[in-house]
Amino acid sequence: MNYVNTSVIYDNFYQNTLKKKVHFSGVGVHSGRAVSMVIEPAKIDTGIVFERTDIVENNKIKAIINNVVDSSLCTKIKNNSGIYVSTIEHLMAALCALNIDNAIIKINSTELPALDGSSHEYVKKIIKSGIKAQNKRKKFFKILKKVEVKDGDRFISISPSNSLLINIS
């Protein structure tokens, strides 16, 4: 079953969170350690925040680009105190695909559970828990002029538009 193409309708202009907690457990693919994790609803403008429950102080890590410290075998984020969590890419993809803007992820390890090795289990359980629209509009970047970056024959560009168009060749 394709869990993304469901009859669930999202208002893409308002922030979203989960309706209720979602529990996950498994083994970290790189560490081999047992992991327990809970994704909880969060208030407006919280963003995605990981909270290491195995650590008492300075245990929160915002999932923002400035906190990414490594992406060679997995995505690893770290706070200013050196506390980190890794292998977040499948969960982050699920949250993005489901338009979840605000969530607290409580985890008792340095690494997320591998589950089935994809985003499938995350998507399935989040949809089952329900998605709650929040009463604040999202912020969007408005592209005002074309920007292009080249590296030899490779390039990426972004241009002003009234719709999303992705061209890959």
N, C-alpha and C. Protein backbone atom coordinates (compact mmCIF):
# COMPACT_ATOMS: atom_id res chain seq x y z
N MET A 1 0.84 -1.19 0.00
CA MET A 1 0.00 0.00 0.00
C MET A 1 0.87 1.24 0.00
N ASN A 2 0.54 2.21 -0.81
CA ASN A 2 1.26 3.47 -0.84
C ASN A 2 0.65 4.40 0.20
N TYR A 3 1.40 4.69 1.27
CA TYR A 3 0.87 5.47 2.38
C TYR A 3 0.92 6.97 2.15
N VAL A 4 1.63 7.42 1.13
CA VAL A 4 1.70 8.85 0.87
C VAL A 4 0.49 9.29 0.06
N ASN A 5 0.05 8.50 -0.91
CA ASN A 5 -1.10 8.85 -1.74
C ASN A 5 -2.38 8.35 -1.08
N THR A 6 -2.74 8.93 0.04
CA THR A 6 -3.97 8.55 0.74
C THR A 6 -4.99 9.66 0.55
N SER A 7 -6.13 9.50 1.14
CA SER A 7 -7.15 10.53 1.05
C SER A 7 -6.95 11.63 2.08
N VAL A 8 -5.85 11.58 2.84
CA VAL A 8 -5.56 12.63 3.81
C VAL A 8 -5.24 13.91 3.05
N ILE A 9 -5.88 15.00 3.42
CA ILE A 9 -5.66 16.29 2.76
C ILE A 9 -4.92 17.20 3.73
N TYR A 10 -3.85 17.80 3.26
CA TYR A 10 -3.06 18.69 4.08
C TYR A 10 -3.20 20.11 3.56
N ASP A 11 -3.32 21.06 4.48
CA ASP A 11 -3.31 22.46 4.12
C ASP A 11 -1.85 22.90 4.16
N ASN A 12 -1.24 23.02 3.02
CA ASN A 12 0.18 23.31 2.94
C ASN A 12 0.56 24.70 3.40
N PHE A 13 -0.42 25.53 3.72
CA PHE A 13 -0.10 26.89 4.12
C PHE A 13 -0.04 27.07 5.63
N TYR A 14 -0.45 26.07 6.39
CA TYR A 14 -0.41 26.15 7.85
C TYR A 14 0.55 25.11 8.40
N GLN A 15 1.16 25.42 9.54
CA GLN A 15 2.04 24.47 10.19
C GLN A 15 1.25 23.25 10.66
N ASN A 16 1.95 22.13 10.76
CA ASN A 16 1.32 20.88 11.19
C ASN A 16 2.16 20.19 12.25
N THR A 17 1.47 19.40 13.07
CA THR A 17 2.12 18.52 14.04
C THR A 17 1.34 17.21 14.06
N LEU A 18 1.71 16.30 14.94
CA LEU A 18 0.99 15.04 15.07
C LEU A 18 -0.20 15.24 16.00
N LYS A 19 -1.22 14.40 15.85
CA LYS A 19 -2.36 14.44 16.77
C LYS A 19 -2.02 13.77 18.09
N LYS A 20 -1.19 12.71 18.04
CA LYS A 20 -0.81 12.02 19.27
C LYS A 20 0.58 11.39 19.11
N LYS A 21 1.12 10.95 20.23
CA LYS A 21 2.46 10.35 20.26
C LYS A 21 2.54 9.10 19.39
N VAL A 22 3.74 8.87 18.85
CA VAL A 22 4.01 7.67 18.08
C VAL A 22 5.28 7.04 18.63
N HIS A 23 5.23 5.75 18.94
CA HIS A 23 6.36 5.03 19.54
C HIS A 23 7.06 4.15 18.49
N PHE A 24 8.39 4.09 18.59
CA PHE A 24 9.20 3.23 17.73
C PHE A 24 10.28 2.57 18.58
N SER A 25 10.65 1.37 18.23
CA SER A 25 11.80 0.72 18.87
C SER A 25 12.45 -0.16 17.84
N GLY A 26 13.72 -0.38 18.03
CA GLY A 26 14.48 -1.19 17.09
C GLY A 26 15.95 -1.15 17.44
N VAL A 27 16.77 -1.37 16.44
CA VAL A 27 18.22 -1.42 16.61
C VAL A 27 18.85 -0.40 15.68
N GLY A 28 19.84 0.33 16.18
CA GLY A 28 20.59 1.25 15.35
C GLY A 28 21.43 0.48 14.34
N VAL A 29 21.34 0.84 13.08
CA VAL A 29 22.03 0.09 12.02
C VAL A 29 23.55 0.16 12.15
N HIS A 30 24.10 1.27 12.61
CA HIS A 30 25.56 1.41 12.74
C HIS A 30 26.06 1.00 14.12
N SER A 31 25.28 1.31 15.16
CA SER A 31 25.72 1.01 16.53
C SER A 31 25.36 -0.40 16.96
N GLY A 32 24.28 -0.96 16.41
CA GLY A 32 23.82 -2.28 16.84
C GLY A 32 23.14 -2.27 18.19
N ARG A 33 22.88 -1.07 18.75
CA ARG A 33 22.26 -0.94 20.07
C ARG A 33 20.74 -0.80 19.97
N ALA A 34 20.05 -1.30 20.99
CA ALA A 34 18.60 -1.15 21.08
C ALA A 34 18.25 0.32 21.26
N VAL A 35 17.20 0.74 20.60
CA VAL A 35 16.78 2.15 20.62
C VAL A 35 15.27 2.21 20.87
N SER A 36 14.90 3.15 21.73
CA SER A 36 13.48 3.44 21.96
C SER A 36 13.28 4.92 21.63
N MET A 37 12.21 5.21 20.89
CA MET A 37 12.00 6.57 20.43
C MET A 37 10.50 6.88 20.41
N VAL A 38 10.17 8.13 20.78
CA VAL A 38 8.79 8.60 20.75
C VAL A 38 8.76 9.93 20.01
N ILE A 39 7.86 10.05 19.05
CA ILE A 39 7.65 11.33 18.37
C ILE A 39 6.39 11.93 18.97
N GLU A 40 6.52 13.14 19.51
CA GLU A 40 5.41 13.80 20.18
C GLU A 40 4.97 15.05 19.44
N PRO A 41 3.68 15.40 19.56
CA PRO A 41 3.23 16.68 18.99
C PRO A 41 4.00 17.83 19.65
N ALA A 42 4.13 18.94 18.91
CA ALA A 42 4.85 20.09 19.45
C ALA A 42 4.09 21.37 19.12
N LYS A 43 4.37 22.40 19.89
CA LYS A 43 3.73 23.70 19.71
C LYS A 43 4.17 24.36 18.41
N ILE A 44 3.41 25.34 17.99
CA ILE A 44 3.72 26.14 16.81
C ILE A 44 5.14 26.71 16.92
N ASP A 45 5.85 26.72 15.80
CA ASP A 45 7.21 27.27 15.66
C ASP A 45 8.27 26.51 16.45
N THR A 46 7.97 25.31 16.92
CA THR A 46 8.98 24.50 17.60
C THR A 46 10.00 23.98 16.61
N GLY A 47 9.54 23.58 15.44
CA GLY A 47 10.41 22.91 14.47
C GLY A 47 10.53 21.44 14.85
N ILE A 48 11.51 20.79 14.28
CA ILE A 48 11.79 19.39 14.60
C ILE A 48 12.96 19.39 15.58
N VAL A 49 12.72 18.85 16.77
CA VAL A 49 13.73 18.86 17.83
C VAL A 49 13.91 17.45 18.36
N PHE A 50 15.16 17.00 18.38
CA PHE A 50 15.50 15.72 18.99
C PHE A 50 15.89 15.97 20.43
N GLU A 51 15.43 15.10 21.33
CA GLU A 51 15.75 15.20 22.76
C GLU A 51 16.31 13.87 23.21
N ARG A 52 17.59 13.86 23.58
CA ARG A 52 18.24 12.64 24.04
C ARG A 52 17.83 12.39 25.49
N THR A 53 17.03 11.33 25.73
CA THR A 53 16.54 11.04 27.07
C THR A 53 17.57 10.31 27.92
N ASP A 54 18.66 9.85 27.32
CA ASP A 54 19.73 9.19 28.06
C ASP A 54 20.72 10.19 28.63
N ILE A 55 20.49 11.47 28.36
CA ILE A 55 21.36 12.55 28.83
C ILE A 55 20.47 13.57 29.54
N VAL A 56 20.95 14.12 30.68
CA VAL A 56 20.13 14.99 31.50
C VAL A 56 20.19 16.46 31.06
N GLU A 57 21.38 16.98 30.76
CA GLU A 57 21.54 18.39 30.44
C GLU A 57 21.96 18.59 28.99
N ASN A 58 21.58 19.75 28.44
CA ASN A 58 21.96 20.11 27.07
C ASN A 58 21.66 18.99 26.08
N ASN A 59 20.49 18.39 26.23
CA ASN A 59 20.17 17.18 25.46
C ASN A 59 19.26 17.42 24.26
N LYS A 60 19.02 18.68 23.91
CA LYS A 60 18.14 18.99 22.77
C LYS A 60 18.96 19.39 21.55
N ILE A 61 18.55 18.88 20.39
CA ILE A 61 19.25 19.16 19.13
C ILE A 61 18.19 19.52 18.09
N LYS A 62 18.21 20.76 17.62
CA LYS A 62 17.29 21.18 16.56
C LYS A 62 17.74 20.59 15.23
N ALA A 63 16.80 20.10 14.48
CA ALA A 63 17.09 19.54 13.16
C ALA A 63 17.12 20.68 12.14
N ILE A 64 18.24 21.39 12.13
CA ILE A 64 18.44 22.49 11.19
C ILE A 64 19.76 22.27 10.46
N ILE A 65 19.88 22.86 9.30
CA ILE A 65 21.06 22.63 8.46
C ILE A 65 22.36 23.01 9.16
N ASN A 66 22.35 24.03 9.99
CA ASN A 66 23.57 24.45 10.68
C ASN A 66 24.06 23.43 11.71
N ASN A 67 23.20 22.49 12.11
CA ASN A 67 23.60 21.47 13.08
C ASN A 67 24.08 20.18 12.43
N VAL A 68 24.05 20.10 11.11
CA VAL A 68 24.55 18.91 10.42
C VAL A 68 26.08 18.93 10.49
N VAL A 69 26.66 17.85 11.03
CA VAL A 69 28.11 17.79 11.17
C VAL A 69 28.74 16.69 10.32
N ASP A 70 27.95 15.76 9.84
CA ASP A 70 28.48 14.69 9.01
C ASP A 70 27.34 14.11 8.19
N SER A 71 27.66 13.73 6.96
CA SER A 71 26.66 13.07 6.12
C SER A 71 27.31 12.03 5.22
N SER A 72 28.42 11.44 5.68
CA SER A 72 29.12 10.48 4.83
C SER A 72 28.41 9.13 4.77
N LEU A 73 28.04 8.53 5.87
CA LEU A 73 27.30 7.26 5.87
C LEU A 73 25.87 7.43 6.36
N CYS A 74 25.61 8.56 6.99
CA CYS A 74 24.28 8.89 7.49
C CYS A 74 24.30 10.37 7.83
N THR A 75 23.14 10.91 8.16
CA THR A 75 23.07 12.32 8.55
C THR A 75 23.15 12.40 10.07
N LYS A 76 24.12 13.20 10.54
CA LYS A 76 24.38 13.36 11.97
C LYS A 76 24.24 14.84 12.31
N ILE A 77 23.44 15.14 13.34
CA ILE A 77 23.31 16.52 13.81
C ILE A 77 23.82 16.60 15.24
N LYS A 78 24.36 17.79 15.59
CA LYS A 78 24.98 17.96 16.90
C LYS A 78 24.66 19.35 17.42
N ASN A 79 24.43 19.46 18.74
CA ASN A 79 24.20 20.77 19.34
C ASN A 79 25.52 21.40 19.79
N ASN A 80 25.47 22.60 20.35
CA ASN A 80 26.68 23.31 20.77
C ASN A 80 27.42 22.64 21.91
N SER A 81 26.75 21.73 22.63
CA SER A 81 27.39 21.00 23.73
C SER A 81 28.03 19.69 23.27
N GLY A 82 27.96 19.41 21.98
CA GLY A 82 28.57 18.19 21.45
C GLY A 82 27.65 16.97 21.49
N ILE A 83 26.41 17.15 21.91
CA ILE A 83 25.45 16.04 21.97
C ILE A 83 24.90 15.85 20.55
N TYR A 84 24.87 14.60 20.11
CA TYR A 84 24.47 14.35 18.72
C TYR A 84 23.48 13.20 18.61
N VAL A 85 22.86 13.13 17.44
CA VAL A 85 22.01 12.02 17.05
C VAL A 85 22.24 11.80 15.56
N SER A 86 22.21 10.54 15.14
CA SER A 86 22.53 10.24 13.74
C SER A 86 21.53 9.29 13.12
N THR A 87 21.68 9.12 11.82
CA THR A 87 20.82 8.29 10.98
C THR A 87 19.38 8.81 11.01
N ILE A 88 19.27 10.13 10.83
CA ILE A 88 17.96 10.80 10.93
C ILE A 88 17.27 10.96 9.58
N GLU A 89 17.94 10.61 8.48
CA GLU A 89 17.44 10.96 7.15
C GLU A 89 16.09 10.32 6.79
N HIS A 90 15.84 9.09 7.19
CA HIS A 90 14.56 8.46 6.83
C HIS A 90 13.39 9.08 7.61
N LEU A 91 13.61 9.37 8.87
CA LEU A 91 12.56 10.04 9.65
C LEU A 91 12.33 11.45 9.11
N MET A 92 13.39 12.18 8.82
CA MET A 92 13.24 13.53 8.29
C MET A 92 12.50 13.53 6.96
N ALA A 93 12.77 12.54 6.11
CA ALA A 93 12.06 12.42 4.83
C ALA A 93 10.58 12.18 5.06
N ALA A 94 10.25 11.33 6.02
CA ALA A 94 8.85 11.04 6.34
C ALA A 94 8.14 12.29 6.85
N LEU A 95 8.78 13.02 7.76
CA LEU A 95 8.18 14.24 8.31
C LEU A 95 7.97 15.28 7.21
N CYS A 96 8.93 15.41 6.33
CA CYS A 96 8.81 16.35 5.21
C CYS A 96 7.69 15.94 4.27
N ALA A 97 7.65 14.67 3.90
CA ALA A 97 6.61 14.19 2.97
C ALA A 97 5.21 14.37 3.54
N LEU A 98 5.09 14.28 4.85
CA LEU A 98 3.77 14.40 5.50
C LEU A 98 3.49 15.81 6.00
N ASN A 99 4.36 16.76 5.66
CA ASN A 99 4.17 18.17 6.04
C ASN A 99 4.16 18.40 7.54
N ILE A 100 4.94 17.63 8.28
CA ILE A 100 5.05 17.82 9.73
C ILE A 100 6.12 18.87 9.98
N ASP A 101 5.73 20.00 10.56
CA ASP A 101 6.64 21.11 10.82
C ASP A 101 7.16 21.12 12.25
N ASN A 102 6.35 20.61 13.18
CA ASN A 102 6.66 20.71 14.60
C ASN A 102 6.52 19.36 15.28
N ALA A 103 7.62 18.88 15.87
CA ALA A 103 7.59 17.60 16.58
C ALA A 103 8.79 17.53 17.52
N ILE A 104 8.60 16.85 18.64
CA ILE A 104 9.68 16.55 19.58
C ILE A 104 9.94 15.06 19.45
N ILE A 105 11.19 14.70 19.17
CA ILE A 105 11.56 13.29 19.03
C ILE A 105 12.43 12.93 20.24
N LYS A 106 11.87 12.15 21.15
CA LYS A 106 12.59 11.73 22.35
C LYS A 106 13.21 10.38 22.06
N ILE A 107 14.53 10.30 22.26
CA ILE A 107 15.27 9.09 21.89
C ILE A 107 16.32 8.79 22.95
N ASN A 108 16.51 7.50 23.25
CA ASN A 108 17.43 7.11 24.33
C ASN A 108 18.78 6.63 23.82
N SER A 109 19.17 7.07 22.63
CA SER A 109 20.43 6.61 22.04
C SER A 109 20.98 7.67 21.09
N THR A 110 22.16 7.41 20.56
CA THR A 110 22.79 8.32 19.61
C THR A 110 22.30 8.12 18.18
N GLU A 111 21.53 7.05 17.96
CA GLU A 111 21.14 6.70 16.59
C GLU A 111 19.68 6.24 16.54
N LEU A 112 18.97 6.64 15.49
CA LEU A 112 17.58 6.23 15.33
C LEU A 112 17.50 4.75 14.98
N PRO A 113 16.37 4.10 15.30
CA PRO A 113 16.22 2.69 14.94
C PRO A 113 16.13 2.53 13.42
N ALA A 114 16.73 1.47 12.91
CA ALA A 114 16.76 1.23 11.46
C ALA A 114 15.40 0.82 10.92
N LEU A 115 14.59 0.18 11.73
CA LEU A 115 13.28 -0.33 11.33
C LEU A 115 13.43 -1.18 10.07
N ASP A 116 12.70 -0.85 8.98
CA ASP A 116 12.81 -1.65 7.76
C ASP A 116 13.85 -1.09 6.79
N GLY A 117 14.61 -0.08 7.20
CA GLY A 117 15.64 0.50 6.35
C GLY A 117 15.14 1.59 5.42
N SER A 118 13.89 2.02 5.61
CA SER A 118 13.33 3.08 4.78
C SER A 118 12.47 4.00 5.65
N SER A 119 11.69 4.86 5.01
CA SER A 119 10.75 5.73 5.72
C SER A 119 9.38 5.10 5.92
N HIS A 120 9.17 3.92 5.37
CA HIS A 120 7.85 3.29 5.34
C HIS A 120 7.19 3.19 6.72
N GLU A 121 7.87 2.64 7.70
CA GLU A 121 7.29 2.47 9.04
C GLU A 121 6.98 3.82 9.69
N TYR A 122 7.85 4.81 9.49
CA TYR A 122 7.59 6.14 10.03
C TYR A 122 6.33 6.72 9.42
N VAL A 123 6.22 6.68 8.10
CA VAL A 123 5.06 7.23 7.40
C VAL A 123 3.78 6.54 7.85
N LYS A 124 3.81 5.22 7.89
CA LYS A 124 2.62 4.45 8.24
C LYS A 124 2.11 4.81 9.64
N LYS A 125 3.00 4.87 10.62
CA LYS A 125 2.57 5.16 11.99
C LYS A 125 2.16 6.62 12.19
N ILE A 126 2.84 7.53 11.52
CA ILE A 126 2.48 8.95 11.64
C ILE A 126 1.09 9.19 11.05
N ILE A 127 0.82 8.60 9.89
CA ILE A 127 -0.52 8.74 9.29
C ILE A 127 -1.57 8.14 10.20
N LYS A 128 -1.27 7.00 10.80
CA LYS A 128 -2.22 6.35 11.70
C LYS A 128 -2.49 7.23 12.94
N SER A 129 -1.47 7.91 13.44
CA SER A 129 -1.65 8.77 14.62
C SER A 129 -2.48 9.99 14.29
N GLY A 130 -2.42 10.44 13.05
CA GLY A 130 -3.14 11.62 12.62
C GLY A 130 -2.25 12.85 12.57
N ILE A 131 -2.61 13.75 11.69
CA ILE A 131 -1.85 14.98 11.51
C ILE A 131 -2.78 16.15 11.84
N LYS A 132 -2.26 17.07 12.65
CA LYS A 132 -3.07 18.18 13.14
C LYS A 132 -2.56 19.49 12.55
N ALA A 133 -3.45 20.21 11.86
CA ALA A 133 -3.11 21.54 11.36
C ALA A 133 -3.07 22.50 12.54
N GLN A 134 -2.09 23.39 12.52
CA GLN A 134 -1.94 24.37 13.58
C GLN A 134 -2.33 25.75 13.07
N ASN A 135 -2.63 26.64 13.98
CA ASN A 135 -3.21 27.93 13.62
C ASN A 135 -2.14 29.00 13.35
N LYS A 136 -1.15 28.66 12.53
CA LYS A 136 -0.15 29.65 12.12
C LYS A 136 0.36 29.27 10.74
N ARG A 137 0.46 30.25 9.90
CA ARG A 137 0.95 30.01 8.54
C ARG A 137 2.42 29.66 8.54
N LYS A 138 2.81 28.85 7.55
CA LYS A 138 4.21 28.53 7.33
C LYS A 138 4.91 29.72 6.71
N LYS A 139 6.23 29.75 6.86
CA LYS A 139 7.04 30.76 6.18
C LYS A 139 7.65 30.10 4.95
N PHE A 140 7.68 30.84 3.86
CA PHE A 140 8.24 30.34 2.62
C PHE A 140 9.31 31.29 2.10
N PHE A 141 10.28 30.74 1.39
CA PHE A 141 11.25 31.56 0.68
C PHE A 141 10.62 31.98 -0.64
N LYS A 142 10.79 33.21 -1.01
CA LYS A 142 10.33 33.67 -2.31
C LYS A 142 11.58 33.92 -3.16
N ILE A 143 11.66 33.22 -4.26
CA ILE A 143 12.81 33.36 -5.16
C ILE A 143 12.58 34.58 -6.03
N LEU A 144 13.48 35.56 -5.95
CA LEU A 144 13.31 36.81 -6.67
C LEU A 144 14.09 36.86 -7.97
N LYS A 145 15.18 36.08 -8.06
CA LYS A 145 15.95 36.04 -9.30
C LYS A 145 16.62 34.68 -9.43
N LYS A 146 17.02 34.35 -10.65
CA LYS A 146 17.65 33.06 -10.92
C LYS A 146 19.02 32.99 -10.24
N VAL A 147 19.26 31.84 -9.60
CA VAL A 147 20.56 31.57 -8.98
C VAL A 147 21.03 30.24 -9.53
N GLU A 148 22.30 30.18 -9.94
CA GLU A 148 22.85 28.96 -10.52
C GLU A 148 24.23 28.70 -9.97
N VAL A 149 24.50 27.43 -9.67
CA VAL A 149 25.82 27.01 -9.21
C VAL A 149 26.31 25.93 -10.16
N LYS A 150 27.55 26.06 -10.66
CA LYS A 150 28.12 25.10 -11.62
C LYS A 150 29.37 24.46 -11.03
N ASP A 151 29.56 23.20 -11.41
CA ASP A 151 30.78 22.46 -11.07
C ASP A 151 31.10 21.59 -12.27
N GLY A 152 31.92 22.09 -13.17
CA GLY A 152 32.20 21.36 -14.41
C GLY A 152 30.93 21.29 -15.25
N ASP A 153 30.53 20.06 -15.62
CA ASP A 153 29.31 19.86 -16.40
C ASP A 153 28.06 19.82 -15.52
N ARG A 154 28.25 19.76 -14.23
CA ARG A 154 27.10 19.67 -13.31
C ARG A 154 26.65 21.07 -12.90
N PHE A 155 25.35 21.21 -12.68
CA PHE A 155 24.85 22.49 -12.20
C PHE A 155 23.50 22.30 -11.53
N ILE A 156 23.15 23.28 -10.74
CA ILE A 156 21.83 23.36 -10.14
C ILE A 156 21.41 24.82 -10.21
N SER A 157 20.13 25.05 -10.48
CA SER A 157 19.65 26.42 -10.53
C SER A 157 18.24 26.48 -9.96
N ILE A 158 17.88 27.66 -9.55
CA ILE A 158 16.54 27.92 -9.05
C ILE A 158 16.10 29.25 -9.64
N SER A 159 14.84 29.31 -10.07
CA SER A 159 14.31 30.50 -10.73
C SER A 159 12.96 30.87 -10.14
N PRO A 160 12.58 32.14 -10.24
CA PRO A 160 11.25 32.54 -9.78
C PRO A 160 10.16 31.80 -10.56
N SER A 161 9.08 31.42 -9.86
CA SER A 161 7.98 30.70 -10.51
C SER A 161 6.77 30.76 -9.59
N ASN A 162 5.61 30.56 -10.19
CA ASN A 162 4.38 30.47 -9.40
C ASN A 162 4.02 29.03 -9.06
N SER A 163 4.82 28.07 -9.54
CA SER A 163 4.56 26.66 -9.25
C SER A 163 5.90 25.93 -9.14
N LEU A 164 5.84 24.74 -8.56
CA LEU A 164 7.05 23.95 -8.41
C LEU A 164 7.28 23.11 -9.65
N LEU A 165 8.44 23.27 -10.25
CA LEU A 165 8.84 22.47 -11.41
C LEU A 165 10.26 22.02 -11.17
N ILE A 166 10.48 20.71 -11.17
CA ILE A 166 11.81 20.15 -10.98
C ILE A 166 12.20 19.44 -12.25
N ASN A 167 13.34 19.81 -12.81
CA ASN A 167 13.83 19.22 -14.05
C ASN A 167 15.17 18.56 -13.76
N ILE A 168 15.24 17.26 -13.92
CA ILE A 168 16.47 16.52 -13.68
C ILE A 168 16.89 15.87 -14.98
N SER A 169 18.13 16.11 -15.37
CA SER A 169 18.62 15.46 -16.60
C SER A 169 20.06 15.03 -16.45
